[in-house]
PDB file of N, CA and C in Angstrom:
ATOM      1  N   GLN A   1     120.894  84.181 116.055  1.00  0.00           N
ATOM      2  CA  GLN A   1     120.999  83.276 114.696  1.00  0.00           C
ATOM      3  C   GLN A   1     119.922  83.952 113.227  1.00  0.00           C
ATOM      4  N   ALA A   2     119.046  84.940 114.065  1.00  0.00           N
ATOM      5  CA  ALA A   2     118.160  85.797 113.115  1.00  0.00           C
ATOM      6  C   ALA A   2     119.416  87.308 112.472  1.00  0.00           C
ATOM      7  N   ASN A   3     120.027  88.083 113.746  1.00  0.00           N
ATOM      8  CA  ASN A   3     120.447  88.683 113.067  1.00  0.00           C
ATOM      9  C   ASN A   3     121.499  88.550 112.247  1.00  0.00           C
ATOM     10  N   MET A   4     121.848  87.112 112.140  1.00  0.00           N
ATOM     11  CA  MET A   4     123.276  86.656 110.898  1.00  0.00           C
ATOM     12  C   MET A   4     122.299  86.573 109.716  1.00  0.00           C
ATOM     13  N   VAL A   5     120.999  86.212 109.432  1.00  0.00           N
ATOM     14  CA  VAL A   5     120.286  86.461 108.316  1.00  0.00           C
ATOM     15  C   VAL A   5     119.811  87.391 108.170  1.00  0.00           C
ATOM     16  N   MET A   6     119.669  88.388 109.063  1.00  0.00           N
ATOM     17  CA  MET A   6     119.642  89.598 108.132  1.00  0.00           C
ATOM     18  C   MET A   6     120.831  90.630 107.819  1.00  0.00           C
ATOM     19  N   MET A   7     122.393  90.156 108.698  1.00  0.00           N
ATOM     20  CA  MET A   7     123.076  90.908 108.243  1.00  0.00           C
ATOM     21  C   MET A   7     123.577  90.430 106.371  1.00  0.00           C
ATOM     22  N   ALA A   8     123.718  88.900 106.247  1.00  0.00           N
ATOM     23  CA  ALA A   8     123.059  88.530 105.156  1.00  0.00           C
ATOM     24  C   ALA A   8     123.134  89.024 103.952  1.00  0.00           C
ATOM     25  N   GLY A   9     121.307  89.157 104.589  1.00  0.00           N
ATOM     26  CA  GLY A   9     120.722  90.125 103.227  1.00  0.00           C
ATOM     27  C   GLY A   9     121.375  92.015 102.965  1.00  0.00           C
ATOM     28  N   LEU A  10     121.569  92.132 104.264  1.00  0.00           N
ATOM     29  CA  LEU A  10     122.600  93.822 103.950  1.00  0.00           C
ATOM     30  C   LEU A  10     123.259  93.772 103.042  1.00  0.00           C
ATOM     31  N   LEU A  11     124.260  92.274 103.574  1.00  0.00           N
ATOM     32  CA  LEU A  11     125.470  92.624 102.466  1.00  0.00           C
ATOM     33  C   LEU A  11     125.536  92.423 101.691  1.00  0.00           C
ATOM     34  N   THR A  12     123.762  91.233 100.540  1.00  0.00           N
ATOM     35  CA  THR A  12     124.380  90.743  99.361  1.00  0.00           C
ATOM     36  C   THR A  12     123.428  91.843  98.864  1.00  0.00           C
ATOM     37  N   LEU A  13     121.971  93.202  99.212  1.00  0.00           N
ATOM     38  CA  LEU A  13     121.886  94.169  98.385  1.00  0.00           C
ATOM     39  C   LEU A  13     123.480  94.961  98.821  1.00  0.00           C
ATOM     40  N   SER A  14     124.585  95.684  99.815  1.00  0.00           N
ATOM     41  CA  SER A  14     125.116  96.286  99.276  1.00  0.00           C
ATOM     42  C   SER A  14     126.248  95.829  98.906  1.00  0.00           C
ATOM     43  N   ALA A  15     126.058  94.024  97.766  1.00  0.00           N
ATOM     44  CA  ALA A  15     127.123  94.060  96.517  1.00  0.00           C
ATOM     45  C   ALA A  15     126.436  94.406  95.733  1.00  0.00           C
ATOM     46  N   GLN A  16     125.114  94.228  95.811  1.00  0.00           N
ATOM     47  CA  GLN A  16     124.159  94.201  94.518  1.00  0.00           C
ATOM     48  C   GLN A  16     124.259  96.005  94.022  1.00  0.00           C
ATOM     49  N   PHE A  17     124.066  96.525  95.012  1.00  0.00           N
ATOM     50  CA  PHE A  17     123.718  98.006  94.720  1.00  0.00           C
ATOM     51  C   PHE A  17     125.720  98.447  94.661  1.00  0.00           C
ATOM     52  N   GLY A  18     126.740  97.342  94.844  1.00  0.00           N
ATOM     53  CA  GLY A  18     128.155  98.344  94.436  1.00  0.00           C
ATOM     54  C   GLY A  18     128.430  97.711  92.783  1.00  0.00           C
ATOM     55  N   ALA A  19     127.239  96.030  92.622  1.00  0.00           N
ATOM     56  CA  ALA A  19     128.366  96.300  91.306  1.00  0.00           C
ATOM     57  C   ALA A  19     127.215  96.405  90.590  1.00  0.00           C
ATOM     58  N   PHE A  20     126.242  97.508  90.573  1.00  0.00           N
ATOM     59  CA  PHE A  20     125.447  98.128  89.981  1.00  0.00           C
ATOM     60  C   PHE A  20     126.295  99.643  89.747  1.00  0.00           C
ATOM     61  N   VAL A  21     126.219 100.013  90.167  1.00  0.00           N
ATOM     62  CA  VAL A  21     127.094 101.197  90.779  1.00  0.00           C
ATOM     63  C   VAL A  21     128.263 101.173  89.614  1.00  0.00           C
ATOM     64  N   TYR A  22     129.281 100.333  89.354  1.00  0.00           N
ATOM     65  CA  TYR A  22     130.951 100.353  89.073  1.00  0.00           C
ATOM     66  C   TYR A  22     130.152  99.461  86.960  1.00  0.00           C
ATOM     67  N   THR A  23     129.233  98.861  87.418  1.00  0.00           N
ATOM     68  CA  THR A  23     128.620  98.430  85.836  1.00  0.00           C
ATOM     69  C   THR A  23     128.460  99.402  85.268  1.00  0.00           C
ATOM     70  N   THR A  24     127.405 100.030  85.579  1.00  0.00           N
ATOM     71  CA  THR A  24     126.876 101.790  85.264  1.00  0.00           C
ATOM     72  C   THR A  24     128.017 102.365  85.185  1.00  0.00           C
ATOM     73  N   TYR A  25     128.697 102.980  86.029  1.00  0.00           N
ATOM     74  CA  TYR A  25     129.421 104.091  85.331  1.00  0.00           C
ATOM     75  C   TYR A  25     130.619 103.725  85.109  1.00  0.00           C
ATOM     76  N   PHE A  26     131.269 102.923  84.872  1.00  0.00           N
ATOM     77  CA  PHE A  26     132.636 102.678  85.028  1.00  0.00           C
ATOM     78  C   PHE A  26     133.085 101.360  83.581  1.00  0.00           C
ATOM     79  N   MET A  27     131.724 100.475  83.700  1.00  0.00           N
ATOM     80  CA  MET A  27     131.913  99.682  83.089  1.00  0.00           C
ATOM     81  C   MET A  27     130.382  99.735  81.094  1.00  0.00           C
ATOM     82  N   PHE A  28     130.111  99.638  81.497  1.00  0.00           N
ATOM     83  CA  PHE A  28     128.496  98.900  80.248  1.00  0.00           C
ATOM     84  C   PHE A  28     128.257 100.885  80.285  1.00  0.00           C
ATOM     85  N   GLY A  29     127.708 101.513  80.871  1.00  0.00           N
ATOM     86  CA  GLY A  29     126.697 102.696  80.435  1.00  0.00           C
ATOM     87  C   GLY A  29     125.502 102.293  81.248  1.00  0.00           C
ATOM     88  N   TRP A  30     124.612 102.937  80.902  1.00  0.00           N
ATOM     89  CA  TRP A  30     123.066 103.087  81.372  1.00  0.00           C
ATOM     90  C   TRP A  30     122.432 102.184  80.688  1.00  0.00           C
ATOM     91  N   ASP A  31     122.860 102.242  79.554  1.00  0.00           N
ATOM     92  CA  ASP A  31     121.595 101.742  78.302  1.00  0.00           C
ATOM     93  C   ASP A  31     121.801 100.346  78.220  1.00  0.00           C
ATOM     94  N   ILE A  32     122.685  99.976  78.390  1.00  0.00           N
ATOM     95  CA  ILE A  32     123.170  98.606  78.725  1.00  0.00           C
ATOM     96  C   ILE A  32     122.297  97.956  80.029  1.00  0.00           C
ATOM     97  N   MET A  33     122.967  99.013  80.578  1.00  0.00           N
ATOM     98  CA  MET A  33     122.669  97.929  82.560  1.00  0.00           C
ATOM     99  C   MET A  33     120.823  98.365  83.382  1.00  0.00           C
ATOM    100  N   GLU A  34     120.083  99.470  81.820  1.00  0.00           N
ATOM    101  CA  GLU A  34     118.825  99.471  82.898  1.00  0.00           C
ATOM    102  C   GLU A  34     118.336  98.204  82.648  1.00  0.00           C
ATOM    103  N   ALA A  35     118.307  97.065  81.546  1.00  0.00           N
ATOM    104  CA  ALA A  35     117.516  96.033  81.972  1.00  0.00           C
ATOM    105  C   ALA A  35     117.822  95.293  82.549  1.00  0.00           C
ATOM    106  N   PHE A  36     118.799  95.162  83.449  1.00  0.00           N
ATOM    107  CA  PHE A  36     119.565  94.390  83.870  1.00  0.00           C
ATOM    108  C   PHE A  36     119.112  94.817  85.798  1.00  0.00           C
ATOM    109  N   THR A  37     119.193  96.411  86.107  1.00  0.00           N
ATOM    110  CA  THR A  37     118.289  96.630  87.022  1.00  0.00           C
ATOM    111  C   THR A  37     116.630  96.239  86.705  1.00  0.00           C
ATOM    112  N   TYR A  38     116.324  96.391  85.750  1.00  0.00           N
ATOM    113  CA  TYR A  38     114.594  95.903  85.908  1.00  0.00           C
ATOM    114  C   TYR A  38     114.580  94.882  86.335  1.00  0.00           C
ATOM    115  N   PHE A  39     115.308  93.746  85.362  1.00  0.00           N
ATOM    116  CA  PHE A  39     115.496  92.342  86.450  1.00  0.00           C
ATOM    117  C   PHE A  39     116.019  91.719  87.570  1.00  0.00           C
ATOM    118  N   ALA A  40     116.405  92.922  87.877  1.00  0.00           N
ATOM    119  CA  ALA A  40     116.773  92.863  89.166  1.00  0.00           C
ATOM    120  C   ALA A  40     116.342  92.824  90.351  1.00  0.00           C
ATOM    121  N   GLY A  41     114.791  94.165  89.810  1.00  0.00           N
ATOM    122  CA  GLY A  41     114.120  94.517  90.537  1.00  0.00           C
ATOM    123  C   GLY A  41     112.963  94.076  90.503  1.00  0.00           C
ATOM    124  N   GLN A  42     112.916  92.561  89.711  1.00  0.00           N
ATOM    125  CA  GLN A  42     111.840  92.446  89.706  1.00  0.00           C
ATOM    126  C   GLN A  42     111.365  91.098  90.211  1.00  0.00           C
ATOM    127  N   THR A  43     112.801  90.287  89.937  1.00  0.00           N
ATOM    128  CA  THR A  43     113.133  89.305  90.955  1.00  0.00           C
ATOM    129  C   THR A  43     113.230  89.374  92.471  1.00  0.00           C
ATOM    130  N   MET A  44     113.597  90.336  92.901  1.00  0.00           N
ATOM    131  CA  MET A  44     113.178  90.405  94.423  1.00  0.00           C
ATOM    132  C   MET A  44     112.343  90.735  95.029  1.00  0.00           C
ATOM    133  N   LEU A  45     110.702  91.588  93.869  1.00  0.00           N
ATOM    134  CA  LEU A  45     110.141  91.869  94.266  1.00  0.00           C
ATOM    135  C   LEU A  45     108.978  90.860  94.156  1.00  0.00           C
ATOM    136  N   MET A  46     109.484  89.116  92.884  1.00  0.00           N
ATOM    137  CA  MET A  46     108.791  88.276  92.893  1.00  0.00           C
ATOM    138  C   MET A  46     109.616  87.217  94.518  1.00  0.00           C
ATOM    139  N   GLY A  47     110.826  87.276  94.677  1.00  0.00           N
ATOM    140  CA  GLY A  47     111.137  87.491  95.710  1.00  0.00           C
ATOM    141  C   GLY A  47     110.463  87.058  97.058  1.00  0.00           C
ATOM    142  N   ALA A  48     110.340  88.715  97.455  1.00  0.00           N
ATOM    143  CA  ALA A  48     109.128  89.534  98.754  1.00  0.00           C
ATOM    144  C   ALA A  48     108.060  88.563  98.163  1.00  0.00           C
ATOM    145  N   TYR A  49     106.984  88.307  97.178  1.00  0.00           N
ATOM    146  CA  TYR A  49     105.526  87.780  97.002  1.00  0.00           C
ATOM    147  C   TYR A  49     106.207  86.029  97.136  1.00  0.00           C
ATOM    148  N   VAL A  50     107.072  85.450  96.890  1.00  0.00           N
ATOM    149  CA  VAL A  50     106.902  84.422  97.149  1.00  0.00           C
ATOM    150  C   VAL A  50     107.127  84.056  98.955  1.00  0.00           C
ATOM    151  N   TYR A  51     107.860  85.095  99.749  1.00  0.00           N
ATOM    152  CA  TYR A  51     108.672  85.083 101.271  1.00  0.00           C
ATOM    153  C   TYR A  51     106.804  84.831 101.880  1.00  0.00           C
ATOM    154  N   PHE A  52     105.866  86.129 101.286  1.00  0.00           N
ATOM    155  CA  PHE A  52     104.634  86.133 101.727  1.00  0.00           C
ATOM    156  C   PHE A  52     104.070  85.297 101.729  1.00  0.00           C
ATOM    157  N   LEU A  53     103.867  84.212  99.768  1.00  0.00           N
ATOM    158  CA  LEU A  53     103.464  83.003 100.110  1.00  0.00           C
ATOM    159  C   LEU A  53     103.540  82.022 100.820  1.00  0.00           C
ATOM    160  N   MET A  54     105.345  81.931 101.326  1.00  0.00           N
ATOM    161  CA  MET A  54     105.238  81.370 102.069  1.00  0.00           C
ATOM    162  C   MET A  54     105.032  81.175 103.362  1.00  0.00           C
ATOM    163  N   VAL A  55     105.237  82.593 104.701  1.00  0.00           N
ATOM    164  CA  VAL A  55     105.383  82.666 105.693  1.00  0.00           C
ATOM    165  C   VAL A  55     104.147  82.967 106.090  1.00  0.00           C
ATOM    166  N   LYS A  56     103.333  83.759 105.477  1.00  0.00           N
ATOM    167  CA  LYS A  56     102.070  84.304 105.489  1.00  0.00           C
ATOM    168  C   LYS A  56     101.407  85.912 106.358  1.00  0.00           C
ATOM    169  N   ARG A  57     102.677  86.015 106.127  1.00  0.00           N
ATOM    170  CA  ARG A  57     103.229  87.867 106.909  1.00  0.00           C
ATOM    171  C   ARG A  57     103.665  88.581 106.239  1.00  0.00           C
ATOM    172  N   ASP A  58     103.542  90.096 106.552  1.00  0.00           N
ATOM    173  CA  ASP A  58     104.393  90.980 105.826  1.00  0.00           C
ATOM    174  C   ASP A  58     106.102  90.892 105.266  1.00  0.00           C
ATOM    175  N   HIS A  59     106.225  91.561 104.449  1.00  0.00           N
ATOM    176  CA  HIS A  59     106.967  91.726 104.271  1.00  0.00           C
ATOM    177  C   HIS A  59     108.123  92.540 104.387  1.00  0.00           C
ATOM    178  N   SER A  60     108.584  92.952 106.104  1.00  0.00           N
ATOM    179  CA  SER A  60     109.069  93.361 105.929  1.00  0.00           C
ATOM    180  C   SER A  60     109.932  93.610 107.202  1.00  0.00           C
ATOM    181  N   LEU A  61     111.107  94.156 107.568  1.00  0.00           N
ATOM    182  CA  LEU A  61     112.248  93.840 108.461  1.00  0.00           C
ATOM    183  C   LEU A  61     112.025  93.485 109.992  1.00  0.00           C
ATOM    184  N   GLU A  62     111.083  93.960 110.546  1.00  0.00           N
ATOM    185  CA  GLU A  62     110.942  93.142 112.138  1.00  0.00           C
ATOM    186  C   GLU A  62     110.039  92.329 111.933  1.00  0.00           C
ATOM    187  N   SER A  63     108.993  92.183 110.632  1.00  0.00           N
ATOM    188  CA  SER A  63     108.692  90.876 110.685  1.00  0.00           C
ATOM    189  C   SER A  63     108.867  89.286 109.756  1.00  0.00           C
ATOM    190  N   MET A  64     110.316  89.720 108.970  1.00  0.00           N
ATOM    191  CA  MET A  64     111.345  88.910 108.847  1.00  0.00           C
ATOM    192  C   MET A  64     111.931  88.098 110.030  1.00  0.00           C
ATOM    193  N   TRP A  65     112.370  89.498 110.988  1.00  0.00           N
ATOM    194  CA  TRP A  65     113.084  88.951 111.989  1.00  0.00           C
ATOM    195  C   TRP A  65     112.678  88.202 112.896  1.00  0.00           C
ATOM    196  N   GLU A  66     110.944  88.303 113.486  1.00  0.00           N
ATOM    197  CA  GLU A  66     110.180  87.710 113.978  1.00  0.00           C
ATOM    198  C   GLU A  66     110.479  86.417 113.239  1.00  0.00           C
ATOM    199  N   VAL A  67     109.967  85.713 112.886  1.00  0.00           N
ATOM    200  CA  VAL A  67     109.465  84.610 112.086  1.00  0.00           C
ATOM    201  C   VAL A  67     111.412  83.903 112.274  1.00  0.00           C
ATOM    202  N   SER A  68     112.848  84.388 111.612  1.00  0.00           N
ATOM    203  CA  SER A  68     113.646  83.592 111.691  1.00  0.00           C
ATOM    204  C   SER A  68     113.965  83.404 112.873  1.00  0.00           C
ATOM    205  N   ARG A  69     113.641  84.570 113.606  1.00  0.00           N
ATOM    206  CA  ARG A  69     114.268  83.967 115.425  1.00  0.00           C
ATOM    207  C   ARG A  69     113.369  82.168 116.168  1.00  0.00           C
ATOM    208  N   ASP A  70     112.136  82.564 116.240  1.00  0.00           N
ATOM    209  CA  ASP A  70     110.443  82.149 116.590  1.00  0.00           C
ATOM    210  C   ASP A  70     111.271  81.223 115.842  1.00  0.00           C
ATOM    211  N   ARG A  71     111.991  80.308 114.468  1.00  0.00           N
ATOM    212  CA  ARG A  71     111.827  79.131 113.240  1.00  0.00           C
ATOM    213  C   ARG A  71     113.203  79.300 114.800  1.00  0.00           C
ATOM    214  N   PHE A  72     114.479  79.645 114.943  1.00  0.00           N
ATOM    215  CA  PHE A  72     115.058  79.139 115.595  1.00  0.00           C
ATOM    216  C   PHE A  72     114.675  78.831 116.502  1.00  0.00           C
ATOM    217  N   ARG A  73     114.556  79.575 117.550  1.00  0.00           N
ATOM    218  CA  ARG A  73     113.821  79.375 118.785  1.00  0.00           C
ATOM    219  C   ARG A  73     112.804  78.025 119.354  1.00  0.00           C
ATOM    220  N   THR A  74     112.161  77.762 117.793  1.00  0.00           N
ATOM    221  CA  THR A  74     111.606  76.288 117.750  1.00  0.00           C
ATOM    222  C   THR A  74     112.511  75.086 117.449  1.00  0.00           C
ATOM    223  N   ARG A  75     113.457  75.013 116.713  1.00  0.00           N
ATOM    224  CA  ARG A  75     114.408  74.282 116.261  1.00  0.00           C
ATOM    225  C   ARG A  75     115.089  73.525 117.648  1.00  0.00           C
ATOM    226  N   LEU A  76     115.007  75.029 118.750  1.00  0.00           N
ATOM    227  CA  LEU A  76     116.443  74.974 120.168  1.00  0.00           C
ATOM    228  C   LEU A  76     115.268  74.126 120.501  1.00  0.00           C
ATOM    229  N   PHE A  77     114.153  73.881 120.916  1.00  0.00           N
ATOM    230  CA  PHE A  77     113.253  73.282 121.830  1.00  0.00           C
ATOM    231  C   PHE A  77     113.469  72.106 121.789  1.00  0.00           C
ATOM    232  N   ARG A  78     112.505  71.748 120.222  1.00  0.00           N
ATOM    233  CA  ARG A  78     112.969  70.121 119.870  1.00  0.00           C
ATOM    234  C   ARG A  78     114.049  69.388 120.144  1.00  0.00           C
ATOM    235  N   LYS A  79     115.408  70.007 119.982  1.00  0.00           N
ATOM    236  CA  LYS A  79     116.420  69.759 119.525  1.00  0.00           C
ATOM    237  C   LYS A  79     116.773  68.816 121.350  1.00  0.00           C
ATOM    238  N   TYR A  80     116.665  70.402 122.428  1.00  0.00           N
ATOM    239  CA  TYR A  80     116.254  69.885 123.734  1.00  0.00           C
ATOM    240  C   TYR A  80     115.302  69.354 124.185  1.00  0.00           C
ATOM    241  N   SER A  81     114.367  68.826 123.337  1.00  0.00           N
ATOM    242  CA  SER A  81     112.549  68.702 124.226  1.00  0.00           C
ATOM    243  C   SER A  81     112.581  69.262 125.142  1.00  0.00           C
ATOM    244  N   LEU A  82     112.331  70.282 124.685  1.00  0.00           N
ATOM    245  CA  LEU A  82     111.884  71.711 125.623  1.00  0.00           C
ATOM    246  C   LEU A  82     110.024  71.863 125.086  1.00  0.00           C
ATOM    247  N   ASN A  83     109.418  72.143 126.036  1.00  0.00           N
ATOM    248  CA  ASN A  83     108.123  72.879 125.692  1.00  0.00           C
ATOM    249  C   ASN A  83     108.362  74.108 126.361  1.00  0.00           C
ATOM    250  N   ALA A  84     107.711  74.946 124.963  1.00  0.00           N
ATOM    251  CA  ALA A  84     107.945  76.234 125.183  1.00  0.00           C
ATOM    252  C   ALA A  84     106.792  76.874 125.735  1.00  0.00           C
ATOM    253  N   ASP A  85     105.229  75.976 125.594  1.00  0.00           N
ATOM    254  CA  ASP A  85     104.330  76.800 127.204  1.00  0.00           C
ATOM    255  C   ASP A  85     105.099  76.978 128.719  1.00  0.00           C
ATOM    256  N   GLU A  86     105.420  75.559 128.562  1.00  0.00           N
ATOM    257  CA  GLU A  86     105.699  75.545 130.128  1.00  0.00           C
ATOM    258  C   GLU A  86     107.052  76.854 130.281  1.00  0.00           C
ATOM    259  N   ILE A  87     108.186  77.187 128.907  1.00  0.00           N
ATOM    260  CA  ILE A  87     108.821  77.909 130.038  1.00  0.00           C
ATOM    261  C   ILE A  87     108.345  79.636 130.162  1.00  0.00           C
ATOM    262  N   GLU A  88     107.608  79.389 128.914  1.00  0.00           N
ATOM    263  CA  GLU A  88     106.901  81.598 128.970  1.00  0.00           C
ATOM    264  C   GLU A  88     105.986  81.351 130.196  1.00  0.00           C
TER     265      GLU A  88
END
């Protein structure tokens, strides 16, 4: 589950990069696309800050992977009525 979330993020960033390259060099030019890339960067920065406010952890790949893994694990423990302390 955590790996799927990380792969989805990578695919999203790759698609965004490809779209920016295509629209910058083949469709519009840098004069028009500069504003779009600026606002996309600002949106990602605000998303990282919202992530920090919600999770109270660093916005790093390792931290995001641990949060995703822990949430999935907690959900499984609740589903099957298991106690995490007894298993560890």
